[in-house]
Amino acid sequence: MIDLADLGLVEPDHGGESLGEVLPAAAGSLGLELPGWGAATVEARDRFGLPEASRVCVVLVDGLGLLQLRERAGHAAFLRSRLGATRELVCGYPSTTAASMGLLGTGRAAGRTGLAGYTVRNPRTGGLANLVSWEGADEPEQWQREPSLTRLIADAGVRVTSVGPAEFRGSGLTRAALNGGTYLVAGGWEDRVDATLRALRDPGLVYLYWGEVDKAGHAYGWTSTQWGDALSELDRGLGRLARAMPADTLLLITADHGQMEVARDGLVDVATVPELARDVALVAGEPRAAYVHLLDGVDVDEVGARWRATLEGRALVLSRQEAIDAGWFGAVAAHVVPVIGDLVVAALGSGGVADSRTQTPHSMQLRGMHGSLTPGEMSVPLVVT
């Protein structure tokens, strides 16, 4: 069994100090014990040291890893003032938006939700399914079968409101991970803060999504000026939200994953390396967390050994069963097993594994990526105000 700590990597945490405990803790602060959770919501609240409140606002900042926040805190006066009390949480594997939205929204890891990557193989069609755009995937309620916490909270009689861009209202990923309640469309950051404050006039739960930090990181890298500007804009919005929110409001700020700046020559293209391309039917996932689906009848152990030898020092290569046994995906439901590749490839260092036959040139040229098990990708903040 691989010891991730010995490699400087982070073990996925599916309980305790986990992104999946944020909404249960929020429910506990609202005084709720939810079906299937019972007193675990109150336990999560107490674990995070949260008070009871009539209003809870959960802000998910896409791509704001804790390590990046600490390094660039000079751009964020509001968040910097709270760094001393900021908790370190761990997201699940892969450390990517679809998996983390499922973890946040249901409290369950990718092995239960099936939201196991940016792209995955659809077992029904054999083709790629993009779990962010939802192209190639089945109906969200069929794909993701765990009850969302927002739905459970709304069903308990608590007012639930989500605030975000128009394209996410009713999207496949929203329906899969965060269904329930009312969705308020708001574009610019000022509009989003205003919409959130309006929703907080009444008791209940408000969820706010903030995506610009991740976009800047993908395009320019988290050490860039553009990323610092996006962080400053976020910080201004959060500061205004915190100052203007009503009394008896609990504000929880977290993130879905961090980021890694990928070296310009850091990607291995499966299509151009015969030792990797041989016996492969489809490469899914993303460069920092790839799934390799093999042709029928191929010896998985033999191909896995070849991949490990070819990628030695650049990636961890596990069989599907090895990754499941290691707990990377938490408990794995039977219908999710074929979504996971025959081989699971987690990038090391600042590189990754891509396949130009299924990935666009643009996606392979991104400056910032995520998905693997490094602290920069796995560690996310929990800021409590």
Protein backbone atom coordinates (compact mmCIF):
# COMPACT_ATOMS: atom_id res chain seq x y z
CA MET A 1 0.00 0.00 0.00
CA ILE A 2 1.36 3.44 -0.95
CA ASP A 3 1.96 5.81 1.97
CA LEU A 4 0.89 9.16 0.55
CA ALA A 5 2.39 11.11 3.45
CA ASP A 6 5.84 9.70 2.66
CA LEU A 7 5.46 11.21 -0.82
CA GLY A 8 4.35 14.59 0.54
CA LEU A 9 0.80 13.95 -0.62
CA VAL A 10 -2.54 14.32 1.16
CA GLU A 11 -4.85 11.47 2.09
CA PRO A 12 -8.48 12.18 1.11
CA ASP A 13 -10.58 12.76 4.23
CA HIS A 14 -14.22 11.68 3.98
CA GLY A 15 -15.19 12.82 7.45
CA GLY A 16 -13.88 15.09 10.16
CA GLU A 17 -11.88 17.97 8.67
CA SER A 18 -13.44 17.57 5.25
CA LEU A 19 -15.19 19.77 2.71
CA GLY A 20 -18.04 17.27 2.93
CA GLU A 21 -18.74 18.33 6.52
CA VAL A 22 -19.42 22.03 5.75
CA LEU A 23 -23.11 21.76 4.84
CA PRO A 24 -23.85 19.24 7.62
CA ALA A 25 -22.25 21.72 10.05
CA ALA A 26 -24.35 24.53 8.55
CA ALA A 27 -27.47 22.41 9.06
CA GLY A 28 -26.40 21.82 12.66
CA SER A 29 -26.07 25.56 13.22
CA LEU A 30 -29.63 25.94 11.95
CA GLY A 31 -30.72 23.37 14.54
CA LEU A 32 -31.45 20.59 12.06
CA GLU A 33 -30.99 16.83 12.25
CA LEU A 34 -31.46 15.59 8.72
CA PRO A 35 -32.68 12.20 7.45
CA GLY A 36 -29.70 9.90 7.08
CA TRP A 37 -27.56 12.22 9.19
CA GLY A 38 -29.30 12.49 12.54
CA ALA A 39 -27.06 13.99 15.23
CA ALA A 40 -24.07 14.01 12.83
CA THR A 41 -25.06 17.54 11.80
CA VAL A 42 -24.76 18.80 15.36
CA GLU A 43 -21.51 16.89 15.76
CA ALA A 44 -20.11 18.59 12.65
CA ARG A 45 -21.21 21.98 13.97
CA ASP A 46 -19.49 21.35 17.29
CA ARG A 47 -16.36 19.99 15.60
CA PHE A 48 -15.96 23.26 13.73
CA GLY A 49 -16.88 25.28 16.81
CA LEU A 50 -19.83 26.96 15.12
CA PRO A 51 -22.62 28.76 16.99
CA GLU A 52 -26.32 28.31 16.46
CA ALA A 53 -27.73 30.83 13.99
CA SER A 54 -30.97 31.65 12.22
CA ARG A 55 -29.13 32.46 8.98
CA VAL A 56 -26.14 30.67 7.46
CA CYS A 57 -24.35 31.80 4.30
CA VAL A 58 -21.96 29.31 2.67
CA VAL A 59 -19.60 30.77 0.06
CA LEU A 60 -17.77 28.34 -2.21
CA VAL A 61 -14.80 29.97 -3.95
CA ASP A 62 -13.74 27.89 -6.92
CA GLY A 63 -9.99 27.27 -6.92
CA LEU A 64 -9.01 29.05 -3.68
CA GLY A 65 -6.60 26.57 -2.12
CA LEU A 66 -5.41 27.30 1.40
CA LEU A 67 -1.74 27.29 0.38
CA GLN A 68 -2.42 29.80 -2.40
CA LEU A 69 -4.41 32.02 -0.02
CA ARG A 70 -1.57 32.06 2.50
CA GLU A 71 1.01 32.89 -0.17
CA ARG A 72 -1.05 35.67 -1.80
CA ALA A 73 -2.77 37.03 1.32
CA GLY A 74 -1.31 40.47 0.66
CA HIS A 75 -4.06 40.85 -1.96
CA ALA A 76 -6.84 40.01 0.51
CA ALA A 77 -7.09 42.23 3.61
CA PHE A 78 -10.39 40.74 4.81
CA LEU A 79 -9.31 37.12 4.46
CA ARG A 80 -5.81 37.88 5.76
CA SER A 81 -7.28 39.28 8.96
CA ARG A 82 -8.89 35.87 9.57
CA LEU A 83 -6.06 33.57 8.53
CA GLY A 84 -5.06 32.87 12.11
CA ALA A 85 -8.43 31.28 12.82
CA THR A 86 -8.90 29.69 9.39
CA ARG A 87 -9.29 25.91 9.51
CA GLU A 88 -7.60 23.61 7.01
CA LEU A 89 -10.02 21.25 5.32
CA VAL A 90 -9.31 18.51 2.80
CA CYS A 91 -11.32 17.93 -0.36
CA GLY A 92 -11.73 14.51 -1.92
CA TYR A 93 -10.06 12.79 -4.85
CA PRO A 94 -9.93 13.89 -7.55
CA SER A 95 -9.43 17.47 -6.37
CA THR A 96 -11.62 18.96 -9.05
CA THR A 97 -14.85 20.90 -9.26
CA ALA A 98 -17.36 18.18 -10.14
CA ALA A 99 -16.12 15.81 -7.43
CA SER A 100 -15.94 18.59 -4.84
CA MET A 101 -19.38 19.95 -5.70
CA GLY A 102 -20.72 16.47 -5.08
CA LEU A 103 -18.80 16.22 -1.82
CA LEU A 104 -20.02 19.61 -0.62
CA GLY A 105 -23.58 19.15 -1.84
CA THR A 106 -24.21 15.63 -0.56
CA GLY A 107 -21.51 15.11 2.06
CA ARG A 108 -20.52 11.96 0.14
CA ALA A 109 -17.33 11.28 -1.79
CA ALA A 110 -17.00 10.55 -5.51
CA GLY A 111 -17.38 6.82 -4.96
CA ARG A 112 -20.97 7.39 -3.93
CA THR A 113 -21.93 10.35 -6.13
CA GLY A 114 -20.33 9.22 -9.38
CA LEU A 115 -19.13 12.82 -9.83
CA ALA A 116 -15.66 11.43 -10.22
CA GLY A 117 -13.85 13.91 -12.46
CA TYR A 118 -13.98 16.69 -15.02
CA THR A 119 -14.65 14.00 -17.61
CA VAL A 120 -15.39 10.32 -17.05
CA ARG A 121 -16.45 7.41 -19.19
CA ASN A 122 -20.20 6.95 -19.33
CA PRO A 123 -20.71 3.21 -18.68
CA ARG A 124 -23.93 3.22 -20.70
CA THR A 125 -22.47 4.72 -23.90
CA GLY A 126 -18.76 4.03 -23.53
CA GLY A 127 -18.06 7.65 -24.49
CA LEU A 128 -16.79 10.63 -22.54
CA ALA A 129 -19.15 12.48 -20.21
CA ASN A 130 -18.21 16.00 -19.15
CA LEU A 131 -19.55 16.46 -15.61
CA VAL A 132 -19.18 20.25 -15.64
CA SER A 133 -20.97 21.00 -18.93
CA TRP A 134 -22.93 17.73 -18.53
CA GLU A 135 -22.36 16.82 -22.18
CA GLY A 136 -22.48 13.06 -22.71
CA ALA A 137 -23.82 12.31 -19.23
CA ASP A 138 -27.16 10.75 -18.31
CA GLU A 139 -29.95 12.57 -16.50
CA PRO A 140 -28.45 14.14 -13.33
CA GLU A 141 -30.88 12.39 -11.00
CA GLN A 142 -29.99 9.05 -12.59
CA TRP A 143 -26.24 9.67 -12.51
CA GLN A 144 -26.01 11.07 -8.96
CA ARG A 145 -28.27 9.11 -6.61
CA GLU A 146 -27.37 10.53 -3.18
CA PRO A 147 -29.79 13.06 -1.61
CA SER A 148 -28.42 16.59 -1.69
CA LEU A 149 -28.12 18.38 1.64
CA THR A 150 -29.74 21.51 0.21
CA ARG A 151 -32.79 19.41 -0.68
CA LEU A 152 -32.90 17.82 2.77
CA ILE A 153 -32.61 21.25 4.43
CA ALA A 154 -35.37 22.67 2.24
CA ASP A 155 -37.57 19.66 2.94
CA ALA A 156 -37.06 20.35 6.66
CA GLY A 157 -38.88 23.65 6.17
CA VAL A 158 -35.82 25.93 6.01
CA ARG A 159 -35.59 28.54 3.26
CA VAL A 160 -32.72 27.62 0.89
CA THR A 161 -31.37 30.03 -1.74
CA SER A 162 -28.50 29.58 -4.20
CA VAL A 163 -26.84 32.57 -5.86
CA GLY A 164 -24.73 32.25 -9.00
CA PRO A 165 -24.40 32.79 -12.76
CA ALA A 166 -27.30 32.18 -15.12
CA GLU A 167 -25.59 29.24 -16.83
CA PHE A 168 -25.64 27.22 -13.61
CA ARG A 169 -29.37 27.61 -12.94
CA GLY A 170 -30.83 24.19 -13.66
CA SER A 171 -27.54 22.86 -15.05
CA GLY A 172 -26.76 19.18 -14.82
CA LEU A 173 -24.15 19.65 -12.10
CA THR A 174 -26.43 21.93 -10.07
CA ARG A 175 -29.25 19.40 -10.30
CA ALA A 176 -26.88 16.58 -9.35
CA ALA A 177 -25.18 18.23 -6.37
CA LEU A 178 -27.16 21.21 -5.09
CA ASN A 179 -30.80 20.83 -6.03
CA GLY A 180 -33.50 22.21 -3.77
CA GLY A 181 -34.64 25.70 -2.87
CA THR A 182 -34.56 28.83 -5.04
CA TYR A 183 -31.83 29.86 -7.49
CA LEU A 184 -31.11 33.58 -7.85
CA VAL A 185 -29.23 34.62 -10.99
CA ALA A 186 -26.54 37.25 -10.41
CA GLY A 187 -23.68 38.12 -12.76
CA GLY A 188 -21.04 40.57 -11.54
CA TRP A 189 -19.57 40.30 -8.06
CA GLU A 190 -21.48 43.32 -6.77
CA ASP A 191 -24.76 41.84 -8.05
CA ARG A 192 -23.93 38.54 -6.36
CA VAL A 193 -23.26 40.20 -3.03
CA ASP A 194 -26.45 42.25 -3.34
CA ALA A 195 -28.51 39.15 -4.17
CA THR A 196 -26.99 37.27 -1.24
CA LEU A 197 -27.76 40.10 1.17
CA ARG A 198 -31.37 40.22 -0.07
CA ALA A 199 -31.70 36.48 0.49
CA LEU A 200 -30.29 36.85 4.02
CA ARG A 201 -33.10 39.21 5.05
CA ASP A 202 -35.07 36.09 5.96
CA PRO A 203 -33.83 33.18 8.09
CA GLY A 204 -32.44 30.20 6.22
CA LEU A 205 -29.47 28.92 4.23
CA VAL A 206 -27.87 30.87 1.39
CA TYR A 207 -25.26 29.34 -0.91
CA LEU A 208 -23.05 31.65 -3.01
CA TYR A 209 -20.73 30.41 -5.77
CA TRP A 210 -17.68 32.47 -6.84
CA GLY A 211 -15.79 31.29 -9.94
CA GLU A 212 -13.39 34.04 -11.06
CA VAL A 213 -10.41 32.95 -8.97
CA ASP A 214 -10.34 29.52 -10.62
CA LYS A 215 -10.69 31.02 -14.09
CA ALA A 216 -7.71 33.30 -13.53
CA GLY A 217 -5.67 30.41 -12.17
CA HIS A 218 -6.37 28.19 -15.16
CA ALA A 219 -5.49 30.91 -17.64
CA TYR A 220 -2.52 32.57 -15.95
CA GLY A 221 -1.47 30.53 -12.90
CA TRP A 222 -2.01 31.36 -9.24
CA THR A 223 1.27 33.31 -8.97
CA SER A 224 0.15 35.71 -11.71
CA THR A 225 -0.94 39.33 -11.41
CA GLN A 226 -4.32 38.35 -12.82
CA TRP A 227 -4.87 35.79 -10.06
CA GLY A 228 -3.95 38.39 -7.44
CA ASP A 229 -6.47 40.79 -8.98
CA ALA A 230 -9.18 38.11 -8.88
CA LEU A 231 -8.36 37.43 -5.24
CA SER A 232 -8.59 41.14 -4.43
CA GLU A 233 -12.00 41.37 -6.11
CA LEU A 234 -13.19 38.36 -4.14
CA ASP A 235 -11.89 39.85 -0.92
CA ARG A 236 -13.72 43.13 -1.52
CA GLY A 237 -16.95 41.26 -2.10
CA LEU A 238 -16.56 39.07 0.97
CA GLY A 239 -15.68 42.05 3.12
CA ARG A 240 -18.78 43.92 2.00
CA LEU A 241 -20.92 40.84 2.55
CA ALA A 242 -19.56 40.34 6.08
CA ARG A 243 -20.09 43.99 7.03
CA ALA A 244 -23.63 44.21 5.68
CA MET A 245 -25.13 40.83 6.57
CA PRO A 246 -27.86 40.83 9.23
CA ALA A 247 -27.26 40.03 12.86
CA ASP A 248 -27.39 36.34 13.77
CA THR A 249 -25.83 35.37 10.43
CA LEU A 250 -23.06 32.79 10.24
CA LEU A 251 -20.74 33.18 7.23
CA LEU A 252 -18.74 30.12 6.12
CA ILE A 253 -16.19 30.60 3.31
CA THR A 254 -14.55 27.55 1.74
CA ALA A 255 -13.30 26.25 -1.63
CA ASP A 256 -13.56 23.18 -3.81
CA HIS A 257 -9.84 22.67 -4.48
CA GLY A 258 -6.54 24.47 -4.90
CA GLN A 259 -4.30 24.63 -7.96
CA MET A 260 -0.93 23.65 -9.34
CA GLU A 261 1.02 25.60 -11.95
CA VAL A 262 1.96 23.10 -14.64
CA ALA A 263 5.32 23.30 -16.37
CA ARG A 264 5.11 24.22 -20.05
CA ASP A 265 6.65 20.90 -21.01
CA GLY A 266 5.15 19.02 -18.07
CA LEU A 267 2.40 17.07 -19.83
CA VAL A 268 2.92 13.59 -21.20
CA ASP A 269 0.69 13.06 -24.25
CA VAL A 270 -0.49 9.45 -24.30
CA ALA A 271 -1.18 9.67 -28.03
CA THR A 272 2.51 10.23 -28.76
CA VAL A 273 4.00 7.60 -26.41
CA PRO A 274 3.56 4.05 -27.76
CA GLU A 275 4.22 2.45 -24.37
CA LEU A 276 1.22 4.35 -22.99
CA ALA A 277 -1.10 4.33 -26.01
CA ARG A 278 -0.97 0.57 -26.51
CA ASP A 279 -4.05 -1.31 -25.23
CA VAL A 280 -5.86 1.91 -24.26
CA ALA A 281 -9.48 2.48 -25.32
CA LEU A 282 -10.09 5.86 -23.67
CA VAL A 283 -8.36 8.35 -21.38
CA ALA A 284 -10.78 10.35 -19.22
CA GLY A 285 -10.40 12.70 -16.27
CA GLU A 286 -7.90 15.54 -16.63
CA PRO A 287 -4.10 15.83 -16.76
CA ARG A 288 -3.59 15.90 -12.99
CA ALA A 289 -6.05 13.02 -12.39
CA ALA A 290 -6.49 10.70 -15.35
CA TYR A 291 -8.60 7.57 -15.77
CA VAL A 292 -7.31 5.00 -18.25
CA HIS A 293 -9.90 2.61 -19.68
CA LEU A 294 -8.35 -0.38 -21.40
CA LEU A 295 -9.45 -2.52 -24.31
CA ASP A 296 -11.45 -5.62 -23.45
CA GLY A 297 -9.36 -8.65 -22.60
CA VAL A 298 -6.19 -6.71 -21.84
CA ASP A 299 -4.12 -7.72 -18.80
CA VAL A 300 -4.58 -4.78 -16.41
CA ASP A 301 -1.58 -5.72 -14.30
CA GLU A 302 0.72 -5.86 -17.33
CA VAL A 303 -0.45 -2.49 -18.66
CA GLY A 304 -0.26 -0.97 -15.20
CA ALA A 305 3.34 -2.12 -14.81
CA ARG A 306 4.20 -0.59 -18.19
CA TRP A 307 2.56 2.72 -17.28
CA ARG A 308 4.35 2.80 -13.92
CA ALA A 309 7.71 2.21 -15.58
CA THR A 310 7.08 4.85 -18.23
CA LEU A 311 5.80 7.47 -15.76
CA GLU A 312 8.14 6.71 -12.87
CA GLY A 313 8.59 9.85 -10.76
CA ARG A 314 5.91 11.70 -12.73
CA ALA A 315 2.71 10.00 -11.57
CA LEU A 316 1.25 7.37 -9.29
CA VAL A 317 -0.43 4.59 -11.29
CA LEU A 318 -2.87 2.35 -9.42
CA SER A 319 -5.35 -0.18 -10.64
CA ARG A 320 -9.00 0.63 -10.05
CA GLN A 321 -9.18 -1.86 -7.19
CA GLU A 322 -5.98 -0.57 -5.61
CA ALA A 323 -7.32 3.00 -5.63
CA ILE A 324 -10.65 1.86 -4.18
CA ASP A 325 -8.93 -0.22 -1.51
CA ALA A 326 -6.74 2.77 -0.63
CA GLY A 327 -9.89 4.78 0.08
CA TRP A 328 -9.27 7.47 -2.52
CA PHE A 329 -12.96 7.54 -3.48
CA GLY A 330 -14.50 6.70 -0.11
CA ALA A 331 -17.13 3.97 -0.16
CA VAL A 332 -17.82 3.05 -3.79
CA ALA A 333 -21.33 2.16 -5.01
CA ALA A 334 -21.70 -0.63 -7.55
CA HIS A 335 -22.96 1.70 -10.30
CA VAL A 336 -19.93 3.99 -9.86
CA VAL A 337 -17.27 1.27 -10.18
CA PRO A 338 -17.20 1.28 -14.03
CA VAL A 339 -16.97 5.10 -14.04
CA ILE A 340 -13.49 4.76 -12.51
CA GLY A 341 -10.75 3.81 -14.95
CA ASP A 342 -9.02 0.45 -15.10
CA LEU A 343 -5.98 2.54 -14.15
CA VAL A 344 -6.09 5.61 -11.91
CA VAL A 345 -3.23 8.05 -12.58
CA ALA A 346 -2.44 10.83 -10.07
CA ALA A 347 0.19 13.34 -11.20
CA LEU A 348 3.27 14.11 -9.15
CA GLY A 349 5.34 17.28 -9.30
CA SER A 350 4.22 19.92 -11.77
CA GLY A 351 3.27 17.71 -14.69
CA GLY A 352 0.38 15.58 -15.82
CA VAL A 353 -0.89 12.99 -18.27
CA ALA A 354 -3.07 14.06 -21.19
CA ASP A 355 -4.33 12.56 -24.43
CA SER A 356 -4.56 14.82 -27.47
CA ARG A 357 -7.04 12.40 -29.04
CA THR A 358 -9.73 13.37 -26.50
CA GLN A 359 -8.54 16.69 -25.05
CA THR A 360 -8.54 20.03 -26.79
CA PRO A 361 -5.26 21.90 -27.40
CA HIS A 362 -6.59 24.71 -25.17
CA SER A 363 -7.17 22.39 -22.21
CA MET A 364 -3.65 21.00 -22.56
CA GLN A 365 -2.13 24.46 -22.54
CA LEU A 366 -3.73 25.73 -19.33
CA ARG A 367 -1.24 27.30 -16.94
CA GLY A 368 -3.05 26.16 -13.80
CA MET A 369 -4.51 22.70 -13.23
CA HIS A 370 -5.71 20.54 -10.35
CA GLY A 371 -7.01 17.08 -9.57
CA SER A 372 -4.15 15.28 -7.84
CA LEU A 373 -3.17 14.72 -4.21
CA THR A 374 -0.62 17.46 -3.54
CA PRO A 375 -1.26 19.83 -0.61
CA GLY A 376 -1.66 22.73 -3.04
CA GLU A 377 -4.57 20.94 -4.70
CA MET A 378 -6.15 19.16 -1.72
CA SER A 379 -6.04 21.70 1.14
CA VAL A 380 -8.86 24.26 1.24
CA PRO A 381 -9.79 26.89 3.83
CA LEU A 382 -12.76 27.22 6.11
CA VAL A 383 -13.15 30.83 7.19
CA VAL A 384 -15.84 31.45 9.82
CA THR A 385 -17.30 34.90 10.43
